[in-house]
Amino acid sequence: MPADTHVAVLDKGMGQGLYTNRSRAKSLDITRLGLMSRLILAIATAMALTATCIMVVEGLSRFFLNVSYFWAEESVRYLMVWAIFLTLGIAGFRQYHIRTELLVQRLPEWLQKACWVLSSAAGMAFAAIVGYASIAQVQRYYTMNMLSESNLQMPMWIIFLAMPIGAMLLFVYYAWAAAYALCGVDPFMPSVSSAGDDVVLEAARGAQL
């Protein structure tokens, strides 16, 4: 079966214009991270690794020495919170957010584009609400000068600062996604290489057979 026929089968089964949008996305690749994003990802990774090391040390200390460190649990918790919030936006840029596309891919192309814009707008609204609410919480902890429970005595406002920062990064991702959606490119579809296109076409041919 010719390749053009495969594309027609793919469009029919997954929504008209999907293959075309994938081709357009090659020139507008949302997964390309800049220097700042790579730096944030490195910091978050270091935090997660540090938390893992603390957990291992705490476990070994309890098992062999029967000694537990009161600060370990708190440190792990807050390091993981910061690592997660820092990577909310980057996870979107890397196409790691969960997406249910069974219905959207079967809609007409103009409705697909509308869904992309609506999804981006909803994400921006969610990030804005989280950021606005968390800023008030940070201000409250800062005013009260509240400290953590362990002997680390960490200022709680620094810990909760992860929420507005994470919300801001998530808002940036959805704003970028909205810009792509307005250009007619699906911002939530992972970019497909030529090898990936061959796999998709082979799958379409198998389904046709």
N, C-alpha and C. Protein backbone atom coordinates (compact mmCIF):
# COMPACT_ATOMS: atom_id res chain seq x y z
N MET A 1 0.85 -1.20 0.00
CA MET A 1 0.00 0.00 0.00
C MET A 1 0.88 1.24 0.00
N PRO A 2 0.63 2.22 -0.85
CA PRO A 2 1.48 3.42 -0.92
C PRO A 2 1.45 4.21 0.38
N ALA A 3 2.50 5.00 0.59
CA ALA A 3 2.60 5.78 1.82
C ALA A 3 1.47 6.80 1.92
N ASP A 4 1.05 7.38 0.77
CA ASP A 4 -0.04 8.36 0.80
C ASP A 4 -1.32 7.73 1.33
N THR A 5 -1.55 6.46 0.95
CA THR A 5 -2.74 5.77 1.44
C THR A 5 -2.64 5.55 2.93
N HIS A 6 -1.42 5.27 3.43
CA HIS A 6 -1.24 5.10 4.86
C HIS A 6 -1.61 6.37 5.61
N VAL A 7 -1.18 7.51 5.07
CA VAL A 7 -1.51 8.78 5.70
C VAL A 7 -3.01 8.99 5.72
N ALA A 8 -3.68 8.62 4.64
CA ALA A 8 -5.14 8.77 4.59
C ALA A 8 -5.79 7.90 5.64
N VAL A 9 -5.30 6.68 5.80
CA VAL A 9 -5.84 5.79 6.84
C VAL A 9 -5.61 6.37 8.21
N LEU A 10 -4.41 6.93 8.42
CA LEU A 10 -4.08 7.51 9.70
C LEU A 10 -4.99 8.69 10.02
N ASP A 11 -5.21 9.55 9.03
CA ASP A 11 -6.09 10.70 9.23
C ASP A 11 -7.52 10.25 9.54
N LYS A 12 -7.96 9.21 8.87
CA LYS A 12 -9.33 8.75 9.07
C LYS A 12 -9.52 8.16 10.45
N GLY A 13 -8.53 7.43 10.93
CA GLY A 13 -8.66 6.76 12.22
C GLY A 13 -8.36 7.63 13.40
N MET A 14 -7.52 8.66 13.25
CA MET A 14 -7.07 9.43 14.40
C MET A 14 -7.47 10.89 14.32
N GLY A 15 -8.22 11.27 13.32
CA GLY A 15 -8.66 12.65 13.24
C GLY A 15 -7.97 13.37 12.10
N GLN A 16 -8.74 14.04 11.27
CA GLN A 16 -8.18 14.70 10.09
C GLN A 16 -7.23 15.81 10.50
N GLY A 17 -6.09 15.86 9.87
CA GLY A 17 -5.13 16.92 10.13
C GLY A 17 -4.10 16.58 11.18
N LEU A 18 -4.22 15.42 11.86
CA LEU A 18 -3.28 15.08 12.91
C LEU A 18 -1.89 14.89 12.36
N TYR A 19 -1.78 14.15 11.27
CA TYR A 19 -0.46 13.91 10.69
C TYR A 19 0.16 15.22 10.20
N THR A 20 -0.67 16.09 9.62
CA THR A 20 -0.17 17.38 9.17
C THR A 20 0.35 18.21 10.33
N ASN A 21 -0.39 18.19 11.46
CA ASN A 21 0.03 18.95 12.62
C ASN A 21 1.33 18.41 13.20
N ARG A 22 1.51 17.10 13.12
CA ARG A 22 2.77 16.52 13.58
C ARG A 22 3.93 17.00 12.72
N SER A 23 3.69 17.11 11.41
CA SER A 23 4.74 17.59 10.53
C SER A 23 5.07 19.05 10.82
N ARG A 24 4.05 19.85 11.09
CA ARG A 24 4.29 21.24 11.43
C ARG A 24 5.08 21.36 12.73
N ALA A 25 4.81 20.45 13.67
CA ALA A 25 5.45 20.53 14.98
C ALA A 25 6.95 20.30 14.91
N LYS A 26 7.42 19.70 13.81
CA LYS A 26 8.85 19.49 13.68
C LYS A 26 9.60 20.81 13.64
N SER A 27 8.98 21.85 13.06
CA SER A 27 9.62 23.16 13.00
C SER A 27 9.30 24.00 14.22
N LEU A 28 8.28 23.61 14.99
CA LEU A 28 7.92 24.30 16.22
C LEU A 28 7.91 23.29 17.36
N ASP A 29 9.09 22.88 17.80
CA ASP A 29 9.23 21.82 18.79
C ASP A 29 9.15 22.41 20.19
N ILE A 30 8.05 22.16 20.89
CA ILE A 30 7.85 22.71 22.23
C ILE A 30 8.72 22.01 23.26
N THR A 31 9.31 20.88 22.91
CA THR A 31 10.09 20.12 23.89
C THR A 31 11.52 20.63 24.02
N ARG A 32 11.91 21.62 23.22
CA ARG A 32 13.26 22.15 23.31
C ARG A 32 13.38 23.04 24.55
N LEU A 33 14.28 22.67 25.45
CA LEU A 33 14.45 23.41 26.69
C LEU A 33 15.60 24.39 26.58
N GLY A 34 15.39 25.58 27.14
CA GLY A 34 16.45 26.56 27.16
C GLY A 34 17.39 26.34 28.34
N LEU A 35 18.36 27.23 28.46
CA LEU A 35 19.36 27.10 29.52
C LEU A 35 18.73 27.20 30.91
N MET A 36 17.79 28.13 31.08
CA MET A 36 17.14 28.29 32.38
C MET A 36 16.36 27.04 32.77
N SER A 37 15.66 26.45 31.82
CA SER A 37 14.89 25.25 32.10
C SER A 37 15.80 24.08 32.48
N ARG A 38 16.91 23.97 31.79
CA ARG A 38 17.87 22.91 32.11
C ARG A 38 18.46 23.11 33.50
N LEU A 39 18.71 24.36 33.87
CA LEU A 39 19.23 24.65 35.20
C LEU A 39 18.22 24.28 36.28
N ILE A 40 16.96 24.64 36.05
CA ILE A 40 15.91 24.29 37.02
C ILE A 40 15.77 22.78 37.14
N LEU A 41 15.84 22.09 36.01
CA LEU A 41 15.74 20.63 36.04
C LEU A 41 16.92 20.02 36.80
N ALA A 42 18.11 20.59 36.64
CA ALA A 42 19.27 20.08 37.37
C ALA A 42 19.13 20.29 38.87
N ILE A 43 18.60 21.45 39.27
CA ILE A 43 18.40 21.73 40.69
C ILE A 43 17.37 20.77 41.28
N ALA A 44 16.27 20.55 40.57
CA ALA A 44 15.24 19.64 41.05
C ALA A 44 15.77 18.21 41.15
N THR A 45 16.57 17.81 40.18
CA THR A 45 17.16 16.47 40.22
C THR A 45 18.09 16.32 41.41
N ALA A 46 18.90 17.35 41.68
CA ALA A 46 19.80 17.32 42.83
C ALA A 46 19.01 17.21 44.14
N MET A 47 17.89 17.92 44.22
CA MET A 47 17.05 17.84 45.42
C MET A 47 16.49 16.45 45.61
N ALA A 48 15.99 15.86 44.52
CA ALA A 48 15.43 14.51 44.61
C ALA A 48 16.49 13.48 44.99
N LEU A 49 17.69 13.62 44.43
CA LEU A 49 18.78 12.70 44.78
C LEU A 49 19.21 12.87 46.23
N THR A 50 19.26 14.12 46.70
CA THR A 50 19.60 14.37 48.10
C THR A 50 18.57 13.75 49.03
N ALA A 51 17.30 13.90 48.69
CA ALA A 51 16.25 13.29 49.50
C ALA A 51 16.38 11.77 49.53
N THR A 52 16.72 11.19 48.39
CA THR A 52 16.90 9.74 48.33
C THR A 52 18.07 9.29 49.21
N CYS A 53 19.17 10.02 49.16
CA CYS A 53 20.33 9.68 49.99
C CYS A 53 20.00 9.78 51.47
N ILE A 54 19.25 10.81 51.83
CA ILE A 54 18.87 10.96 53.25
C ILE A 54 17.99 9.79 53.68
N MET A 55 17.07 9.37 52.83
CA MET A 55 16.22 8.23 53.16
C MET A 55 17.03 6.96 53.34
N VAL A 56 18.03 6.75 52.48
CA VAL A 56 18.87 5.56 52.59
C VAL A 56 19.67 5.58 53.89
N VAL A 57 20.26 6.75 54.20
CA VAL A 57 21.04 6.87 55.44
C VAL A 57 20.15 6.66 56.66
N GLU A 58 18.97 7.21 56.63
CA GLU A 58 18.03 7.05 57.75
C GLU A 58 17.64 5.59 57.92
N GLY A 59 17.36 4.91 56.82
CA GLY A 59 17.00 3.50 56.90
C GLY A 59 18.12 2.64 57.44
N LEU A 60 19.34 2.86 56.95
CA LEU A 60 20.49 2.09 57.43
C LEU A 60 20.78 2.39 58.90
N SER A 61 20.61 3.64 59.29
CA SER A 61 20.86 4.01 60.68
C SER A 61 19.86 3.34 61.61
N ARG A 62 18.61 3.28 61.18
CA ARG A 62 17.61 2.61 62.02
C ARG A 62 17.87 1.11 62.11
N PHE A 63 18.30 0.53 61.01
CA PHE A 63 18.47 -0.93 60.98
C PHE A 63 19.71 -1.38 61.75
N PHE A 64 20.85 -0.70 61.51
CA PHE A 64 22.10 -1.15 62.10
C PHE A 64 22.40 -0.51 63.46
N LEU A 65 22.04 0.75 63.61
CA LEU A 65 22.40 1.49 64.84
C LEU A 65 21.23 1.72 65.77
N ASN A 66 20.02 1.43 65.27
CA ASN A 66 18.81 1.68 66.06
C ASN A 66 18.71 3.16 66.46
N VAL A 67 19.13 4.02 65.52
CA VAL A 67 19.12 5.46 65.75
C VAL A 67 18.33 6.12 64.63
N SER A 68 17.45 7.03 65.00
CA SER A 68 16.65 7.76 64.02
C SER A 68 16.92 9.25 64.16
N TYR A 69 17.03 9.92 63.03
CA TYR A 69 17.29 11.36 63.02
C TYR A 69 15.97 12.10 62.80
N PHE A 70 15.64 12.97 63.73
CA PHE A 70 14.35 13.64 63.70
C PHE A 70 14.22 14.56 62.48
N TRP A 71 15.35 15.07 62.00
CA TRP A 71 15.32 16.02 60.89
C TRP A 71 15.21 15.33 59.53
N ALA A 72 15.47 14.01 59.50
CA ALA A 72 15.54 13.32 58.20
C ALA A 72 14.19 13.32 57.49
N GLU A 73 13.14 12.96 58.20
CA GLU A 73 11.82 12.88 57.56
C GLU A 73 11.38 14.24 57.02
N GLU A 74 11.60 15.27 57.81
CA GLU A 74 11.21 16.61 57.39
C GLU A 74 12.04 17.07 56.19
N SER A 75 13.31 16.78 56.19
CA SER A 75 14.17 17.18 55.08
C SER A 75 13.74 16.51 53.78
N VAL A 76 13.47 15.20 53.86
CA VAL A 76 13.04 14.46 52.68
C VAL A 76 11.73 15.02 52.14
N ARG A 77 10.80 15.27 53.04
CA ARG A 77 9.49 15.77 52.62
C ARG A 77 9.60 17.09 51.88
N TYR A 78 10.33 18.03 52.43
CA TYR A 78 10.40 19.36 51.84
C TYR A 78 11.27 19.38 50.58
N LEU A 79 12.30 18.56 50.55
CA LEU A 79 13.10 18.46 49.33
C LEU A 79 12.28 17.90 48.17
N MET A 80 11.46 16.90 48.44
CA MET A 80 10.63 16.33 47.40
C MET A 80 9.55 17.30 46.95
N VAL A 81 9.00 18.06 47.89
CA VAL A 81 8.00 19.07 47.53
C VAL A 81 8.60 20.11 46.58
N TRP A 82 9.79 20.58 46.90
CA TRP A 82 10.45 21.56 46.03
C TRP A 82 10.78 20.95 44.67
N ALA A 83 11.28 19.72 44.68
CA ALA A 83 11.64 19.07 43.41
C ALA A 83 10.43 18.90 42.51
N ILE A 84 9.29 18.53 43.09
CA ILE A 84 8.08 18.31 42.30
C ILE A 84 7.56 19.62 41.73
N PHE A 85 7.48 20.65 42.56
CA PHE A 85 6.93 21.91 42.09
C PHE A 85 7.84 22.58 41.05
N LEU A 86 9.14 22.39 41.18
CA LEU A 86 10.05 22.98 40.21
C LEU A 86 9.91 22.35 38.83
N THR A 87 9.49 21.09 38.80
CA THR A 87 9.42 20.37 37.52
C THR A 87 8.02 20.32 36.93
N LEU A 88 7.05 21.02 37.51
CA LEU A 88 5.70 20.99 36.96
C LEU A 88 5.67 21.50 35.52
N GLY A 89 6.28 22.66 35.30
CA GLY A 89 6.28 23.22 33.96
C GLY A 89 7.17 22.46 33.01
N ILE A 90 8.35 22.03 33.49
CA ILE A 90 9.28 21.30 32.63
C ILE A 90 8.68 19.97 32.21
N ALA A 91 7.93 19.33 33.11
CA ALA A 91 7.27 18.07 32.74
C ALA A 91 6.31 18.28 31.57
N GLY A 92 5.66 19.45 31.54
CA GLY A 92 4.80 19.76 30.41
C GLY A 92 5.58 19.95 29.13
N PHE A 93 6.68 20.70 29.21
CA PHE A 93 7.52 20.92 28.02
C PHE A 93 8.09 19.60 27.50
N ARG A 94 8.37 18.67 28.40
CA ARG A 94 8.90 17.36 28.00
C ARG A 94 7.79 16.38 27.61
N GLN A 95 6.54 16.84 27.59
CA GLN A 95 5.39 16.01 27.20
C GLN A 95 5.17 14.85 28.17
N TYR A 96 5.38 15.09 29.48
CA TYR A 96 5.18 14.06 30.48
C TYR A 96 3.83 14.17 31.18
N HIS A 97 3.06 15.21 30.88
CA HIS A 97 1.73 15.32 31.47
C HIS A 97 0.80 14.29 30.83
N ILE A 98 -0.07 13.73 31.65
CA ILE A 98 -1.01 12.74 31.15
C ILE A 98 -2.04 13.43 30.24
N ARG A 99 -2.32 12.81 29.11
CA ARG A 99 -3.28 13.37 28.17
C ARG A 99 -4.22 12.30 27.68
N THR A 100 -5.52 12.58 27.75
CA THR A 100 -6.54 11.69 27.20
C THR A 100 -6.96 12.24 25.85
N GLU A 101 -6.60 11.56 24.79
CA GLU A 101 -6.79 12.10 23.44
C GLU A 101 -7.70 11.24 22.57
N LEU A 102 -8.35 10.25 23.18
CA LEU A 102 -9.19 9.35 22.38
C LEU A 102 -10.30 10.10 21.66
N LEU A 103 -10.94 11.03 22.35
CA LEU A 103 -12.04 11.79 21.75
C LEU A 103 -11.54 12.91 20.86
N VAL A 104 -10.52 13.64 21.33
CA VAL A 104 -10.06 14.83 20.60
C VAL A 104 -9.56 14.46 19.22
N GLN A 105 -8.86 13.34 19.09
CA GLN A 105 -8.29 12.96 17.80
C GLN A 105 -9.36 12.60 16.77
N ARG A 106 -10.57 12.34 17.21
CA ARG A 106 -11.64 11.99 16.29
C ARG A 106 -12.55 13.17 15.95
N LEU A 107 -12.20 14.34 16.45
CA LEU A 107 -12.96 15.54 16.14
C LEU A 107 -12.45 16.18 14.85
N PRO A 108 -13.25 17.02 14.22
CA PRO A 108 -12.76 17.78 13.06
C PRO A 108 -11.57 18.65 13.45
N GLU A 109 -10.79 19.02 12.47
CA GLU A 109 -9.55 19.74 12.76
C GLU A 109 -9.79 21.05 13.50
N TRP A 110 -10.85 21.78 13.12
CA TRP A 110 -11.10 23.06 13.77
C TRP A 110 -11.51 22.87 15.23
N LEU A 111 -12.21 21.76 15.51
CA LEU A 111 -12.56 21.48 16.90
C LEU A 111 -11.34 21.03 17.71
N GLN A 112 -10.43 20.30 17.07
CA GLN A 112 -9.19 19.92 17.74
C GLN A 112 -8.42 21.17 18.17
N LYS A 113 -8.31 22.13 17.26
CA LYS A 113 -7.59 23.36 17.58
C LYS A 113 -8.27 24.11 18.71
N ALA A 114 -9.60 24.11 18.72
CA ALA A 114 -10.34 24.76 19.80
C ALA A 114 -10.08 24.07 21.13
N CYS A 115 -9.98 22.74 21.11
CA CYS A 115 -9.69 22.00 22.33
C CYS A 115 -8.29 22.30 22.84
N TRP A 116 -7.34 22.46 21.92
CA TRP A 116 -5.97 22.79 22.34
C TRP A 116 -5.94 24.15 23.04
N VAL A 117 -6.62 25.12 22.45
CA VAL A 117 -6.65 26.46 23.04
C VAL A 117 -7.39 26.43 24.38
N LEU A 118 -8.51 25.70 24.44
CA LEU A 118 -9.27 25.62 25.69
C LEU A 118 -8.47 24.93 26.78
N SER A 119 -7.76 23.88 26.44
CA SER A 119 -6.94 23.18 27.43
C SER A 119 -5.83 24.07 27.96
N SER A 120 -5.21 24.82 27.06
CA SER A 120 -4.15 25.74 27.48
C SER A 120 -4.69 26.84 28.38
N ALA A 121 -5.87 27.36 28.02
CA ALA A 121 -6.48 28.41 28.84
C ALA A 121 -6.86 27.88 30.22
N ALA A 122 -7.40 26.67 30.27
CA ALA A 122 -7.75 26.06 31.55
C ALA A 122 -6.51 25.84 32.41
N GLY A 123 -5.41 25.40 31.79
CA GLY A 123 -4.17 25.21 32.53
C GLY A 123 -3.62 26.52 33.07
N MET A 124 -3.70 27.58 32.26
CA MET A 124 -3.26 28.89 32.73
C MET A 124 -4.10 29.38 33.90
N ALA A 125 -5.42 29.16 33.83
CA ALA A 125 -6.31 29.57 34.91
C ALA A 125 -5.99 28.79 36.20
N PHE A 126 -5.78 27.49 36.07
CA PHE A 126 -5.45 26.67 37.24
C PHE A 126 -4.14 27.13 37.88
N ALA A 127 -3.12 27.36 37.06
CA ALA A 127 -1.83 27.80 37.58
C ALA A 127 -1.95 29.16 38.25
N ALA A 128 -2.76 30.06 37.67
CA ALA A 128 -2.94 31.39 38.26
C ALA A 128 -3.64 31.31 39.61
N ILE A 129 -4.64 30.44 39.72
CA ILE A 129 -5.36 30.28 40.99
C ILE A 129 -4.43 29.72 42.07
N VAL A 130 -3.67 28.69 41.72
CA VAL A 130 -2.73 28.10 42.67
C VAL A 130 -1.68 29.13 43.11
N GLY A 131 -1.16 29.88 42.15
CA GLY A 131 -0.16 30.89 42.48
C GLY A 131 -0.71 31.98 43.37
N TYR A 132 -1.91 32.46 43.05
CA TYR A 132 -2.52 33.53 43.85
C TYR A 132 -2.80 33.08 45.27
N ALA A 133 -3.35 31.87 45.41
CA ALA A 133 -3.68 31.36 46.76
C ALA A 133 -2.41 31.08 47.57
N SER A 134 -1.37 30.58 46.92
CA SER A 134 -0.15 30.22 47.64
C SER A 134 0.64 31.45 48.09
N ILE A 135 0.55 32.54 47.34
CA ILE A 135 1.25 33.77 47.74
C ILE A 135 0.72 34.27 49.07
N ALA A 136 -0.60 34.22 49.25
CA ALA A 136 -1.19 34.63 50.53
C ALA A 136 -0.70 33.74 51.66
N GLN A 137 -0.55 32.45 51.40
CA GLN A 137 -0.05 31.53 52.42
C GLN A 137 1.40 31.84 52.77
N VAL A 138 2.21 32.13 51.78
CA VAL A 138 3.61 32.46 52.03
C VAL A 138 3.71 33.74 52.85
N GLN A 139 2.91 34.74 52.51
CA GLN A 139 2.92 35.99 53.26
C GLN A 139 2.51 35.77 54.72
N ARG A 140 1.55 34.89 54.92
CA ARG A 140 1.10 34.59 56.29
C ARG A 140 2.20 33.95 57.11
N TYR A 141 2.88 32.97 56.54
CA TYR A 141 3.97 32.32 57.27
C TYR A 141 5.14 33.28 57.51
N TYR A 142 5.38 34.15 56.56
CA TYR A 142 6.45 35.12 56.73
C TYR A 142 6.15 36.11 57.85
N THR A 143 4.90 36.56 57.92
CA THR A 143 4.50 37.50 58.95
C THR A 143 4.55 36.87 60.34
N MET A 144 4.13 35.61 60.42
CA MET A 144 4.12 34.91 61.70
C MET A 144 5.49 34.39 62.10
N ASN A 145 6.44 34.41 61.16
CA ASN A 145 7.79 33.88 61.42
C ASN A 145 7.72 32.44 61.91
N MET A 146 6.88 31.63 61.28
CA MET A 146 6.71 30.24 61.69
C MET A 146 7.88 29.40 61.21
N LEU A 147 8.35 28.51 62.11
CA LEU A 147 9.48 27.63 61.81
C LEU A 147 9.02 26.18 61.77
N SER A 148 9.84 25.33 61.16
CA SER A 148 9.50 23.91 61.06
C SER A 148 9.63 23.24 62.43
N GLU A 149 9.09 22.02 62.53
CA GLU A 149 9.02 21.34 63.83
C GLU A 149 10.35 20.74 64.27
N SER A 150 11.20 20.35 63.32
CA SER A 150 12.44 19.67 63.69
C SER A 150 13.47 20.67 64.20
N ASN A 151 14.63 20.12 64.61
CA ASN A 151 15.69 20.99 65.10
C ASN A 151 16.36 21.78 63.99
N LEU A 152 15.94 21.55 62.74
CA LEU A 152 16.44 22.38 61.65
C LEU A 152 15.92 23.80 61.74
N GLN A 153 14.71 23.96 62.27
CA GLN A 153 14.11 25.28 62.45
C GLN A 153 14.11 26.07 61.13
N MET A 154 13.59 25.43 60.09
CA MET A 154 13.54 26.08 58.79
C MET A 154 12.35 27.02 58.72
N PRO A 155 12.51 28.22 58.16
CA PRO A 155 11.36 29.12 57.99
C PRO A 155 10.33 28.49 57.05
N MET A 156 9.10 28.43 57.47
CA MET A 156 8.06 27.78 56.68
C MET A 156 7.73 28.55 55.41
N TRP A 157 7.96 29.86 55.41
CA TRP A 157 7.64 30.62 54.20
C TRP A 157 8.57 30.24 53.05
N ILE A 158 9.82 29.86 53.38
CA ILE A 158 10.74 29.41 52.33
C ILE A 158 10.27 28.08 51.76
N ILE A 159 9.78 27.21 52.63
CA ILE A 159 9.30 25.90 52.17
C ILE A 159 8.08 26.06 51.27
N PHE A 160 7.13 26.90 51.69
CA PHE A 160 5.90 27.08 50.91
C PHE A 160 6.11 27.98 49.69
N LEU A 161 7.28 28.58 49.58
CA LEU A 161 7.58 29.38 48.40
C LEU A 161 7.64 28.52 47.14
N ALA A 162 7.79 27.22 47.34
CA ALA A 162 7.81 26.31 46.19
C ALA A 162 6.49 26.35 45.42
N MET A 163 5.39 26.60 46.11
CA MET A 163 4.08 26.59 45.44
C MET A 163 3.92 27.73 44.44
N PRO A 164 4.14 28.98 44.81
CA PRO A 164 3.99 30.04 43.80
C PRO A 164 5.03 29.94 42.68
N ILE A 165 6.24 29.49 43.01
CA ILE A 165 7.25 29.33 41.97
C ILE A 165 6.84 28.24 40.99
N GLY A 166 6.38 27.11 41.52
CA GLY A 166 5.91 26.02 40.65
C GLY A 166 4.71 26.43 39.82
N ALA A 167 3.79 27.19 40.43
CA ALA A 167 2.62 27.67 39.69
C ALA A 167 3.03 28.62 38.57
N MET A 168 4.02 29.46 38.83
CA MET A 168 4.49 30.38 37.80
C MET A 168 5.10 29.61 36.63
N LEU A 169 5.91 28.60 36.93
CA LEU A 169 6.52 27.80 35.86
C LEU A 169 5.46 27.04 35.07
N LEU A 170 4.44 26.56 35.77
CA LEU A 170 3.35 25.87 35.08
C LEU A 170 2.58 26.83 34.20
N PHE A 171 2.38 28.06 34.67
CA PHE A 171 1.68 29.07 33.88
C PHE A 171 2.47 29.39 32.61
N VAL A 172 3.79 29.49 32.74
CA VAL A 172 4.63 29.76 31.57
C VAL A 172 4.48 28.65 30.54
N TYR A 173 4.45 27.40 31.01
CA TYR A 173 4.29 26.28 30.07
C TYR A 173 2.96 26.37 29.33
N TYR A 174 1.87 26.60 30.05
CA TYR A 174 0.56 26.64 29.40
C TYR A 174 0.42 27.88 28.51
N ALA A 175 1.07 28.99 28.87
CA ALA A 175 1.05 30.15 28.00
C ALA A 175 1.79 29.85 26.70
N TRP A 176 2.91 29.14 26.81
CA TRP A 176 3.66 28.72 25.62
C TRP A 176 2.83 27.75 24.78
N ALA A 177 2.14 26.84 25.47
CA ALA A 177 1.27 25.89 24.76
C ALA A 177 0.14 26.62 24.04
N ALA A 178 -0.40 27.65 24.67
CA ALA A 178 -1.47 28.43 24.04
C ALA A 178 -0.98 29.12 22.77
N ALA A 179 0.25 29.61 22.81
CA ALA A 179 0.82 30.25 21.62
C ALA A 179 0.95 29.25 20.48
N TYR A 180 1.37 28.04 20.79
CA TYR A 180 1.47 27.00 19.76
C TYR A 180 0.09 26.63 19.23
N ALA A 181 -0.89 26.51 20.16
CA ALA A 181 -2.24 26.13 19.74
C ALA A 181 -2.84 27.18 18.82
N LEU A 182 -2.60 28.46 19.11
CA LEU A 182 -3.12 29.53 18.26
C LEU A 182 -2.46 29.54 16.89
N CYS A 183 -1.28 28.94 16.79
CA CYS A 183 -0.60 28.81 15.49
C CYS A 183 -1.05 27.57 14.73
N GLY A 184 -1.98 26.82 15.31
CA GLY A 184 -2.49 25.65 14.64
C GLY A 184 -1.68 24.39 14.84
N VAL A 185 -0.78 24.38 15.84
CA VAL A 185 0.05 23.22 16.13
C VAL A 185 -0.38 22.63 17.46
N ASP A 186 -0.52 21.31 17.50
CA ASP A 186 -0.89 20.63 18.73
C ASP A 186 0.27 20.70 19.71
N PRO A 187 0.14 21.48 20.83
CA PRO A 187 1.27 21.62 21.76
C PRO A 187 1.43 20.44 22.69
N PHE A 188 0.44 19.55 22.73
CA PHE A 188 0.48 18.43 23.67
C PHE A 188 0.89 17.11 23.02
N MET A 189 1.10 17.13 21.70
CA MET A 189 1.50 15.93 20.99
C MET A 189 3.01 15.87 20.91
N PRO A 190 3.65 14.80 21.41
CA PRO A 190 5.11 14.70 21.31
C PRO A 190 5.56 14.77 19.87
N SER A 191 6.69 15.46 19.66
CA SER A 191 7.23 15.55 18.30
C SER A 191 7.66 14.18 17.84
N VAL A 192 7.40 13.87 16.57
CA VAL A 192 7.65 12.55 16.03
C VAL A 192 8.77 12.64 15.01
N SER A 193 9.77 11.81 15.14
CA SER A 193 10.86 11.75 14.17
C SER A 193 10.41 10.98 12.95
N SER A 194 11.25 10.98 11.95
CA SER A 194 10.91 10.24 10.74
C SER A 194 10.77 8.76 11.04
N ALA A 195 11.63 8.26 11.97
CA ALA A 195 11.52 6.85 12.36
C ALA A 195 10.19 6.60 13.06
N GLY A 196 9.77 7.56 13.87
CA GLY A 196 8.49 7.43 14.55
C GLY A 196 7.34 7.44 13.57
N ASP A 197 7.46 8.28 12.53
CA ASP A 197 6.42 8.31 11.50
C ASP A 197 6.28 6.95 10.83
N ASP A 198 7.41 6.29 10.58
CA ASP A 198 7.36 4.97 9.95
C ASP A 198 6.63 3.97 10.84
N VAL A 199 6.86 4.07 12.13
CA VAL A 199 6.18 3.16 13.06
C VAL A 199 4.68 3.39 13.04
N VAL A 200 4.29 4.67 13.04
CA VAL A 200 2.86 4.99 13.01
C VAL A 200 2.22 4.50 11.73
N LEU A 201 2.92 4.70 10.61
CA LEU A 201 2.38 4.27 9.34
C LEU A 201 2.26 2.75 9.27
N GLU A 202 3.24 2.05 9.82
CA GLU A 202 3.17 0.60 9.85
C GLU A 202 2.00 0.13 10.70
N ALA A 203 1.76 0.83 11.82
CA ALA A 203 0.63 0.48 12.66
C ALA A 203 -0.69 0.70 11.93
N ALA A 204 -0.74 1.81 11.18
CA ALA A 204 -1.96 2.08 10.42
C ALA A 204 -2.18 1.02 9.34
N ARG A 205 -1.09 0.60 8.73
CA ARG A 205 -1.23 -0.44 7.69
C ARG A 205 -1.68 -1.76 8.31
N GLY A 206 -1.14 -2.08 9.49
CA GLY A 206 -1.55 -3.30 10.16
C GLY A 206 -3.01 -3.28 10.54
N ALA A 207 -3.48 -2.09 11.00
CA ALA A 207 -4.90 -1.98 11.36
C ALA A 207 -5.78 -2.13 10.13
N GLN A 208 -5.30 -1.60 8.98
CA GLN A 208 -6.08 -1.68 7.76
C GLN A 208 -6.17 -3.14 7.28
N LEU A 209 -5.06 -3.88 7.43
CA LEU A 209 -5.06 -5.27 6.99
C LEU A 209 -5.94 -6.12 7.90
